[in-house]
Amino acid sequence: MIFDAAKGGTVVVIALLFASACSESGRRVECGSHAGPGAAKLTALDYEVDYNAYSSTFLQPEVAKIYGIDRHKKVGVVMVSVYLKDTPGMGVEACVSGGAMNSIGQMIVLNFDEIREGEAIYHIGTFRIGQEEDLTFRLDVEIATTGKTHALEWRQKFRRG
């Protein structure tokens, strides 16, 4: 797997933040924009969401080139993958959207591209990293098979050295 070094923790997503529009067209899921805030609580989920953010310098040069990612200490990468709990490695179609906020309240909008490698599906977004950044990521993950949108939030520090 290309992004093994980037794999982060697994999280069970627990709340809705925004509703997004997703519709299937063949095997490709078309992702829409935010429709507005949501306020529901999720009590059970059959999915795992793997996520992480890291410097693009962690990518092998060949990998960065294949996927058109600028490999530089000023560029960060967010990766999100959704799996059924009982079939790890088998990607589930999803729409991923959202952004990150820095410590002075500036919002960074993330645009995600879908990458498929065999049965795995990755959603990759890039962002600029300042000299020292403390970012709060807030992402919405809509699982295509259920149509439900789940919120994911974490905080992470980046230092260029």
N, C-alpha and C. Protein backbone atom coordinates (compact mmCIF):
# COMPACT_ATOMS: atom_id res chain seq x y z
N MET A 1 0.84 -1.17 0.00
CA MET A 1 0.00 0.00 0.00
C MET A 1 0.88 1.24 0.00
N ILE A 2 0.57 2.22 -0.81
CA ILE A 2 1.39 3.40 -0.99
C ILE A 2 1.51 4.24 0.26
N PHE A 3 0.44 4.43 0.98
CA PHE A 3 0.42 5.40 2.06
C PHE A 3 0.58 4.77 3.45
N ASP A 4 1.26 3.59 3.55
CA ASP A 4 1.42 2.95 4.85
C ASP A 4 2.00 3.89 5.90
N ALA A 5 3.00 4.68 5.55
CA ALA A 5 3.62 5.59 6.52
C ALA A 5 2.64 6.66 6.97
N ALA A 6 1.61 6.89 6.19
CA ALA A 6 0.67 7.95 6.50
C ALA A 6 -0.54 7.45 7.27
N LYS A 7 -0.70 6.15 7.42
CA LYS A 7 -1.89 5.63 8.08
C LYS A 7 -1.93 6.08 9.53
N GLY A 8 -3.03 6.65 9.92
CA GLY A 8 -3.18 7.14 11.28
C GLY A 8 -4.06 6.21 12.06
N GLY A 9 -4.70 6.73 13.06
CA GLY A 9 -5.58 5.94 13.88
C GLY A 9 -6.87 5.65 13.17
N THR A 10 -7.60 4.74 13.72
CA THR A 10 -8.93 4.43 13.20
C THR A 10 -9.92 5.08 14.14
N VAL A 11 -10.93 5.67 13.58
CA VAL A 11 -11.91 6.36 14.40
C VAL A 11 -13.30 5.86 14.01
N VAL A 12 -14.14 5.70 14.99
CA VAL A 12 -15.54 5.46 14.72
C VAL A 12 -16.20 6.83 14.81
N VAL A 13 -16.76 7.26 13.74
CA VAL A 13 -17.32 8.59 13.65
C VAL A 13 -18.63 8.62 14.42
N ILE A 14 -18.86 9.71 15.23
CA ILE A 14 -20.00 9.68 16.15
C ILE A 14 -21.05 10.76 15.98
N ALA A 15 -20.87 11.77 15.13
CA ALA A 15 -21.88 12.81 15.05
C ALA A 15 -21.97 13.38 13.65
N LEU A 16 -23.11 13.98 13.32
CA LEU A 16 -23.27 14.65 12.03
C LEU A 16 -22.89 16.12 12.19
N LEU A 17 -22.20 16.67 11.18
CA LEU A 17 -21.87 18.10 11.20
C LEU A 17 -22.56 18.80 10.05
N PHE A 18 -22.42 18.27 8.85
CA PHE A 18 -23.05 18.85 7.68
C PHE A 18 -23.70 17.75 6.86
N ALA A 19 -24.70 18.11 6.09
CA ALA A 19 -25.28 17.16 5.14
C ALA A 19 -24.67 17.48 3.78
N SER A 20 -24.18 16.46 3.09
CA SER A 20 -23.62 16.62 1.75
C SER A 20 -24.45 15.80 0.78
N ALA A 21 -24.40 16.18 -0.47
CA ALA A 21 -25.12 15.43 -1.50
C ALA A 21 -24.17 14.48 -2.20
N CYS A 22 -24.53 13.22 -2.27
CA CYS A 22 -23.77 12.22 -3.02
C CYS A 22 -24.75 11.43 -3.86
N SER A 23 -24.33 11.11 -5.06
CA SER A 23 -25.15 10.23 -5.87
C SER A 23 -24.24 9.34 -6.68
N GLU A 24 -24.66 8.12 -6.89
CA GLU A 24 -23.83 7.20 -7.65
C GLU A 24 -24.09 7.38 -9.13
N SER A 25 -23.01 7.38 -9.92
CA SER A 25 -23.12 7.36 -11.37
C SER A 25 -22.13 6.31 -11.84
N GLY A 26 -22.62 5.11 -12.08
CA GLY A 26 -21.74 3.99 -12.36
C GLY A 26 -21.05 3.60 -11.06
N ARG A 27 -19.72 3.38 -11.12
CA ARG A 27 -18.97 3.06 -9.90
C ARG A 27 -18.40 4.30 -9.25
N ARG A 28 -18.51 5.44 -9.89
CA ARG A 28 -17.94 6.69 -9.39
C ARG A 28 -18.99 7.45 -8.60
N VAL A 29 -18.64 7.97 -7.45
CA VAL A 29 -19.55 8.75 -6.64
C VAL A 29 -19.28 10.22 -6.92
N GLU A 30 -20.33 10.96 -7.24
CA GLU A 30 -20.20 12.40 -7.47
C GLU A 30 -20.51 13.10 -6.16
N CYS A 31 -19.58 13.92 -5.69
CA CYS A 31 -19.75 14.61 -4.42
C CYS A 31 -20.25 16.02 -4.66
N GLY A 32 -21.21 16.43 -3.85
CA GLY A 32 -21.76 17.78 -3.96
C GLY A 32 -21.19 18.68 -2.88
N SER A 33 -21.76 19.85 -2.74
CA SER A 33 -21.30 20.80 -1.74
C SER A 33 -22.16 20.71 -0.49
N HIS A 34 -21.73 21.39 0.58
CA HIS A 34 -22.47 21.38 1.84
C HIS A 34 -23.87 21.95 1.65
N ALA A 35 -24.84 21.28 2.22
CA ALA A 35 -26.21 21.75 2.12
C ALA A 35 -26.62 22.53 3.37
N GLY A 36 -25.90 22.38 4.45
CA GLY A 36 -26.22 23.11 5.68
C GLY A 36 -25.87 22.29 6.90
N PRO A 37 -25.97 22.90 8.08
CA PRO A 37 -25.60 22.20 9.30
C PRO A 37 -26.60 21.11 9.67
N GLY A 38 -26.10 20.06 10.29
CA GLY A 38 -26.95 18.98 10.76
C GLY A 38 -26.85 18.88 12.27
N ALA A 39 -27.73 18.11 12.88
CA ALA A 39 -27.70 17.99 14.33
C ALA A 39 -28.23 16.64 14.77
N ALA A 40 -27.67 15.56 14.27
CA ALA A 40 -28.13 14.23 14.66
C ALA A 40 -27.00 13.50 15.35
N LYS A 41 -27.35 12.48 16.12
CA LYS A 41 -26.35 11.67 16.81
C LYS A 41 -26.41 10.26 16.26
N LEU A 42 -25.23 9.69 16.00
CA LEU A 42 -25.14 8.35 15.46
C LEU A 42 -24.88 7.38 16.60
N THR A 43 -25.67 6.30 16.70
CA THR A 43 -25.51 5.36 17.80
C THR A 43 -24.78 4.09 17.42
N ALA A 44 -24.76 3.72 16.14
CA ALA A 44 -24.06 2.51 15.71
C ALA A 44 -23.52 2.74 14.31
N LEU A 45 -22.35 2.22 14.06
CA LEU A 45 -21.73 2.40 12.75
C LEU A 45 -20.97 1.15 12.37
N ASP A 46 -21.17 0.66 11.16
CA ASP A 46 -20.50 -0.55 10.68
C ASP A 46 -19.24 -0.24 9.89
N TYR A 47 -18.74 0.98 10.01
CA TYR A 47 -17.62 1.43 9.20
C TYR A 47 -16.46 1.91 10.06
N GLU A 48 -15.25 1.83 9.48
CA GLU A 48 -14.06 2.41 10.08
C GLU A 48 -13.57 3.49 9.13
N VAL A 49 -13.08 4.57 9.70
CA VAL A 49 -12.52 5.65 8.91
C VAL A 49 -11.07 5.81 9.34
N ASP A 50 -10.15 5.56 8.41
CA ASP A 50 -8.72 5.79 8.66
C ASP A 50 -8.42 7.19 8.16
N TYR A 51 -7.65 7.95 8.93
CA TYR A 51 -7.36 9.32 8.54
C TYR A 51 -6.00 9.74 9.07
N ASN A 52 -5.40 10.71 8.41
CA ASN A 52 -4.14 11.27 8.88
C ASN A 52 -3.83 12.51 8.06
N ALA A 53 -3.01 13.36 8.63
CA ALA A 53 -2.46 14.52 7.92
C ALA A 53 -0.96 14.49 8.16
N TYR A 54 -0.19 14.83 7.14
CA TYR A 54 1.26 14.73 7.24
C TYR A 54 1.90 15.63 6.18
N SER A 55 3.19 15.85 6.30
CA SER A 55 3.93 16.62 5.31
C SER A 55 4.07 15.79 4.04
N SER A 56 3.95 16.44 2.90
CA SER A 56 4.09 15.73 1.63
C SER A 56 5.50 15.17 1.43
N THR A 57 6.46 15.61 2.23
CA THR A 57 7.83 15.08 2.12
C THR A 57 7.90 13.63 2.58
N PHE A 58 6.86 13.12 3.27
CA PHE A 58 6.82 11.71 3.67
C PHE A 58 6.52 10.79 2.49
N LEU A 59 5.96 11.34 1.42
CA LEU A 59 5.66 10.54 0.24
C LEU A 59 6.94 10.24 -0.53
N GLN A 60 7.01 9.06 -1.09
CA GLN A 60 8.11 8.73 -1.98
C GLN A 60 7.98 9.62 -3.22
N PRO A 61 9.09 10.10 -3.78
CA PRO A 61 9.03 10.98 -4.95
C PRO A 61 8.19 10.42 -6.11
N GLU A 62 8.30 9.11 -6.37
CA GLU A 62 7.54 8.49 -7.46
C GLU A 62 6.04 8.56 -7.20
N VAL A 63 5.65 8.36 -5.95
CA VAL A 63 4.24 8.37 -5.58
C VAL A 63 3.68 9.78 -5.73
N ALA A 64 4.41 10.76 -5.22
CA ALA A 64 3.97 12.16 -5.33
C ALA A 64 3.80 12.55 -6.80
N LYS A 65 4.70 12.11 -7.64
CA LYS A 65 4.64 12.44 -9.07
C LYS A 65 3.42 11.80 -9.72
N ILE A 66 3.17 10.53 -9.42
CA ILE A 66 2.03 9.82 -10.01
C ILE A 66 0.73 10.54 -9.71
N TYR A 67 0.57 11.01 -8.47
CA TYR A 67 -0.69 11.62 -8.05
C TYR A 67 -0.68 13.14 -8.11
N GLY A 68 0.37 13.72 -8.67
CA GLY A 68 0.41 15.17 -8.87
C GLY A 68 0.48 15.96 -7.58
N ILE A 69 1.16 15.42 -6.58
CA ILE A 69 1.29 16.10 -5.29
C ILE A 69 2.66 16.75 -5.22
N ASP A 70 2.68 18.05 -4.92
CA ASP A 70 3.93 18.79 -4.77
C ASP A 70 4.61 18.31 -3.50
N ARG A 71 5.76 17.70 -3.64
CA ARG A 71 6.51 17.16 -2.50
C ARG A 71 7.43 18.25 -1.95
N HIS A 72 6.94 18.96 -0.93
CA HIS A 72 7.66 20.11 -0.38
C HIS A 72 7.29 20.27 1.09
N LYS A 73 8.22 20.82 1.89
CA LYS A 73 7.96 20.99 3.32
C LYS A 73 6.85 22.00 3.61
N LYS A 74 6.45 22.78 2.62
CA LYS A 74 5.35 23.74 2.79
C LYS A 74 4.00 23.15 2.40
N VAL A 75 3.97 21.88 2.00
CA VAL A 75 2.73 21.25 1.55
C VAL A 75 2.37 20.09 2.48
N GLY A 76 1.13 20.12 2.98
CA GLY A 76 0.61 19.03 3.79
C GLY A 76 -0.39 18.21 3.00
N VAL A 77 -0.62 16.98 3.45
CA VAL A 77 -1.54 16.05 2.79
C VAL A 77 -2.49 15.49 3.85
N VAL A 78 -3.77 15.43 3.51
CA VAL A 78 -4.76 14.75 4.35
C VAL A 78 -5.24 13.54 3.57
N MET A 79 -5.28 12.38 4.24
CA MET A 79 -5.75 11.16 3.61
C MET A 79 -6.88 10.57 4.45
N VAL A 80 -7.98 10.21 3.80
CA VAL A 80 -9.13 9.59 4.47
C VAL A 80 -9.56 8.37 3.67
N SER A 81 -9.79 7.25 4.36
CA SER A 81 -10.30 6.05 3.72
C SER A 81 -11.41 5.48 4.59
N VAL A 82 -12.45 4.94 3.96
CA VAL A 82 -13.57 4.34 4.67
C VAL A 82 -13.62 2.86 4.32
N TYR A 83 -13.80 2.01 5.35
CA TYR A 83 -13.87 0.56 5.19
C TYR A 83 -15.03 0.00 5.99
N LEU A 84 -15.58 -1.13 5.53
CA LEU A 84 -16.51 -1.89 6.38
C LEU A 84 -15.67 -2.51 7.49
N LYS A 85 -16.18 -2.54 8.71
CA LYS A 85 -15.41 -3.08 9.84
C LYS A 85 -14.94 -4.51 9.60
N ASP A 86 -15.78 -5.33 8.98
CA ASP A 86 -15.44 -6.74 8.82
C ASP A 86 -14.64 -7.05 7.56
N THR A 87 -14.32 -6.04 6.75
CA THR A 87 -13.51 -6.27 5.55
C THR A 87 -12.43 -5.20 5.40
N PRO A 88 -11.42 -5.21 6.28
CA PRO A 88 -10.36 -4.20 6.18
C PRO A 88 -9.66 -4.28 4.83
N GLY A 89 -9.32 -3.12 4.28
CA GLY A 89 -8.66 -3.06 2.99
C GLY A 89 -9.61 -2.94 1.81
N MET A 90 -10.89 -3.25 2.05
CA MET A 90 -11.91 -3.13 1.00
C MET A 90 -12.56 -1.76 1.15
N GLY A 91 -12.22 -0.85 0.25
CA GLY A 91 -12.72 0.52 0.33
C GLY A 91 -14.21 0.62 0.12
N VAL A 92 -14.81 1.60 0.77
CA VAL A 92 -16.22 1.90 0.64
C VAL A 92 -16.33 3.27 -0.02
N GLU A 93 -17.23 3.40 -0.99
CA GLU A 93 -17.42 4.69 -1.66
C GLU A 93 -17.89 5.72 -0.65
N ALA A 94 -17.30 6.92 -0.73
CA ALA A 94 -17.65 8.00 0.19
C ALA A 94 -17.35 9.34 -0.46
N CYS A 95 -17.98 10.37 0.05
CA CYS A 95 -17.66 11.75 -0.30
C CYS A 95 -16.99 12.36 0.91
N VAL A 96 -15.85 12.98 0.71
CA VAL A 96 -15.12 13.62 1.81
C VAL A 96 -14.98 15.09 1.49
N SER A 97 -15.32 15.95 2.44
CA SER A 97 -15.20 17.39 2.26
C SER A 97 -14.88 18.02 3.61
N GLY A 98 -14.47 19.26 3.58
CA GLY A 98 -14.20 19.98 4.81
C GLY A 98 -12.96 20.83 4.71
N GLY A 99 -12.36 21.08 5.86
CA GLY A 99 -11.19 21.95 5.89
C GLY A 99 -10.50 21.92 7.22
N ALA A 100 -9.61 22.89 7.38
CA ALA A 100 -8.85 23.02 8.62
C ALA A 100 -8.84 24.49 9.01
N MET A 101 -8.77 24.74 10.31
CA MET A 101 -8.69 26.10 10.82
C MET A 101 -7.40 26.25 11.60
N ASN A 102 -6.68 27.35 11.33
CA ASN A 102 -5.44 27.57 12.08
C ASN A 102 -5.75 28.29 13.40
N SER A 103 -4.71 28.56 14.17
CA SER A 103 -4.89 29.11 15.52
C SER A 103 -5.42 30.54 15.53
N ILE A 104 -5.36 31.25 14.40
CA ILE A 104 -5.92 32.62 14.37
C ILE A 104 -7.26 32.66 13.63
N GLY A 105 -7.86 31.49 13.41
CA GLY A 105 -9.20 31.41 12.85
C GLY A 105 -9.30 31.43 11.34
N GLN A 106 -8.19 31.33 10.63
CA GLN A 106 -8.24 31.29 9.17
C GLN A 106 -8.63 29.88 8.73
N MET A 107 -9.57 29.81 7.80
CA MET A 107 -10.06 28.53 7.31
C MET A 107 -9.33 28.13 6.03
N ILE A 108 -8.92 26.88 5.97
CA ILE A 108 -8.30 26.30 4.79
C ILE A 108 -9.30 25.29 4.23
N VAL A 109 -9.82 25.56 3.05
CA VAL A 109 -10.76 24.64 2.42
C VAL A 109 -9.97 23.53 1.73
N LEU A 110 -10.33 22.30 1.99
CA LEU A 110 -9.65 21.16 1.38
C LEU A 110 -10.50 20.60 0.24
N ASN A 111 -9.86 20.37 -0.89
CA ASN A 111 -10.50 19.71 -2.03
C ASN A 111 -9.91 18.32 -2.14
N PHE A 112 -10.75 17.31 -2.08
CA PHE A 112 -10.30 15.92 -2.06
C PHE A 112 -10.42 15.28 -3.44
N ASP A 113 -9.36 14.53 -3.80
CA ASP A 113 -9.37 13.71 -5.00
C ASP A 113 -9.47 12.26 -4.55
N GLU A 114 -10.20 11.47 -5.33
CA GLU A 114 -10.32 10.04 -5.02
C GLU A 114 -9.23 9.28 -5.77
N ILE A 115 -8.55 8.40 -5.04
CA ILE A 115 -7.52 7.54 -5.63
C ILE A 115 -7.91 6.10 -5.33
N ARG A 116 -7.87 5.26 -6.36
CA ARG A 116 -8.19 3.84 -6.20
C ARG A 116 -6.94 3.02 -6.48
N GLU A 117 -6.66 2.10 -5.57
CA GLU A 117 -5.57 1.14 -5.73
C GLU A 117 -6.14 -0.24 -5.42
N GLY A 118 -6.43 -0.99 -6.44
CA GLY A 118 -7.07 -2.29 -6.22
C GLY A 118 -8.41 -2.08 -5.55
N GLU A 119 -8.61 -2.71 -4.40
CA GLU A 119 -9.87 -2.59 -3.65
C GLU A 119 -9.89 -1.39 -2.71
N ALA A 120 -8.75 -0.74 -2.51
CA ALA A 120 -8.66 0.40 -1.59
C ALA A 120 -9.09 1.69 -2.29
N ILE A 121 -9.73 2.57 -1.52
CA ILE A 121 -10.14 3.89 -2.01
C ILE A 121 -9.60 4.92 -1.02
N TYR A 122 -8.83 5.88 -1.52
CA TYR A 122 -8.28 6.95 -0.69
C TYR A 122 -8.83 8.29 -1.15
N HIS A 123 -9.06 9.18 -0.22
CA HIS A 123 -9.46 10.55 -0.52
C HIS A 123 -8.32 11.44 -0.04
N ILE A 124 -7.69 12.15 -0.99
CA ILE A 124 -6.49 12.91 -0.70
C ILE A 124 -6.74 14.39 -0.95
N GLY A 125 -6.36 15.22 0.01
CA GLY A 125 -6.41 16.68 -0.14
C GLY A 125 -5.08 17.27 0.30
N THR A 126 -4.68 18.38 -0.31
CA THR A 126 -3.42 19.03 0.07
C THR A 126 -3.70 20.43 0.60
N PHE A 127 -2.74 20.94 1.37
CA PHE A 127 -2.86 22.28 1.95
C PHE A 127 -1.47 22.84 2.19
N ARG A 128 -1.38 24.16 2.34
CA ARG A 128 -0.11 24.83 2.61
C ARG A 128 0.15 24.81 4.12
N ILE A 129 1.43 24.65 4.47
CA ILE A 129 1.85 24.65 5.88
C ILE A 129 2.72 25.87 6.12
N GLY A 130 2.38 26.65 7.15
CA GLY A 130 3.21 27.79 7.54
C GLY A 130 4.44 27.30 8.31
N GLN A 131 5.23 28.22 8.82
CA GLN A 131 6.43 27.85 9.57
C GLN A 131 6.09 26.92 10.74
N GLU A 132 5.05 27.27 11.46
CA GLU A 132 4.54 26.42 12.54
C GLU A 132 3.03 26.55 12.53
N GLU A 133 2.34 25.45 12.36
CA GLU A 133 0.88 25.45 12.26
C GLU A 133 0.26 24.52 13.28
N ASP A 134 -0.76 25.00 13.95
CA ASP A 134 -1.58 24.19 14.84
C ASP A 134 -2.96 24.20 14.20
N LEU A 135 -3.31 23.11 13.51
CA LEU A 135 -4.54 23.06 12.73
C LEU A 135 -5.59 22.17 13.36
N THR A 136 -6.84 22.60 13.28
CA THR A 136 -7.98 21.78 13.66
C THR A 136 -8.69 21.38 12.38
N PHE A 137 -8.68 20.09 12.10
CA PHE A 137 -9.32 19.56 10.90
C PHE A 137 -10.76 19.20 11.22
N ARG A 138 -11.67 19.61 10.35
CA ARG A 138 -13.09 19.26 10.45
C ARG A 138 -13.53 18.76 9.09
N LEU A 139 -13.80 17.46 9.03
CA LEU A 139 -14.17 16.84 7.76
C LEU A 139 -15.53 16.19 7.87
N ASP A 140 -16.21 16.14 6.76
CA ASP A 140 -17.48 15.43 6.63
C ASP A 140 -17.24 14.23 5.73
N VAL A 141 -17.67 13.07 6.19
CA VAL A 141 -17.51 11.84 5.42
C VAL A 141 -18.90 11.26 5.20
N GLU A 142 -19.36 11.33 3.95
CA GLU A 142 -20.66 10.75 3.62
C GLU A 142 -20.44 9.39 2.99
N ILE A 143 -20.97 8.37 3.62
CA ILE A 143 -20.83 7.00 3.13
C ILE A 143 -21.92 6.77 2.09
N ALA A 144 -21.50 6.46 0.87
CA ALA A 144 -22.43 6.38 -0.26
C ALA A 144 -23.52 5.34 -0.04
N THR A 145 -23.19 4.19 0.55
CA THR A 145 -24.19 3.12 0.70
C THR A 145 -25.29 3.47 1.69
N THR A 146 -24.99 4.33 2.68
CA THR A 146 -25.99 4.69 3.68
C THR A 146 -26.56 6.09 3.44
N GLY A 147 -25.81 6.94 2.74
CA GLY A 147 -26.24 8.31 2.54
C GLY A 147 -26.09 9.18 3.77
N LYS A 148 -25.50 8.64 4.83
CA LYS A 148 -25.33 9.40 6.07
C LYS A 148 -23.98 10.11 6.08
N THR A 149 -23.98 11.35 6.58
CA THR A 149 -22.76 12.13 6.68
C THR A 149 -22.32 12.17 8.13
N HIS A 150 -21.03 11.87 8.34
CA HIS A 150 -20.48 11.79 9.68
C HIS A 150 -19.34 12.79 9.83
N ALA A 151 -19.25 13.39 11.00
CA ALA A 151 -18.23 14.41 11.26
C ALA A 151 -16.97 13.77 11.83
N LEU A 152 -15.85 14.31 11.42
CA LEU A 152 -14.55 13.86 11.89
C LEU A 152 -13.77 15.12 12.26
N GLU A 153 -13.19 15.15 13.45
CA GLU A 153 -12.44 16.33 13.88
C GLU A 153 -11.21 15.90 14.67
N TRP A 154 -10.07 16.53 14.38
CA TRP A 154 -8.87 16.32 15.16
C TRP A 154 -7.96 17.53 15.03
N ARG A 155 -7.05 17.64 15.96
CA ARG A 155 -6.10 18.74 15.99
C ARG A 155 -4.69 18.19 15.79
N GLN A 156 -3.89 18.94 15.02
CA GLN A 156 -2.55 18.46 14.73
C GLN A 156 -1.60 19.64 14.53
N LYS A 157 -0.35 19.48 15.03
CA LYS A 157 0.68 20.50 14.87
C LYS A 157 1.62 20.10 13.75
N PHE A 158 2.03 21.10 12.98
CA PHE A 158 3.00 20.93 11.92
C PHE A 158 4.15 21.91 12.14
N ARG A 159 5.37 21.45 11.97
CA ARG A 159 6.54 22.33 12.06
C ARG A 159 7.44 22.07 10.87
N ARG A 160 7.76 23.15 10.17
CA ARG A 160 8.74 23.02 9.09
C ARG A 160 10.11 23.20 9.70
N GLY A 161 11.00 22.31 9.36
CA GLY A 161 12.31 22.44 9.97
C GLY A 161 13.45 22.38 9.05
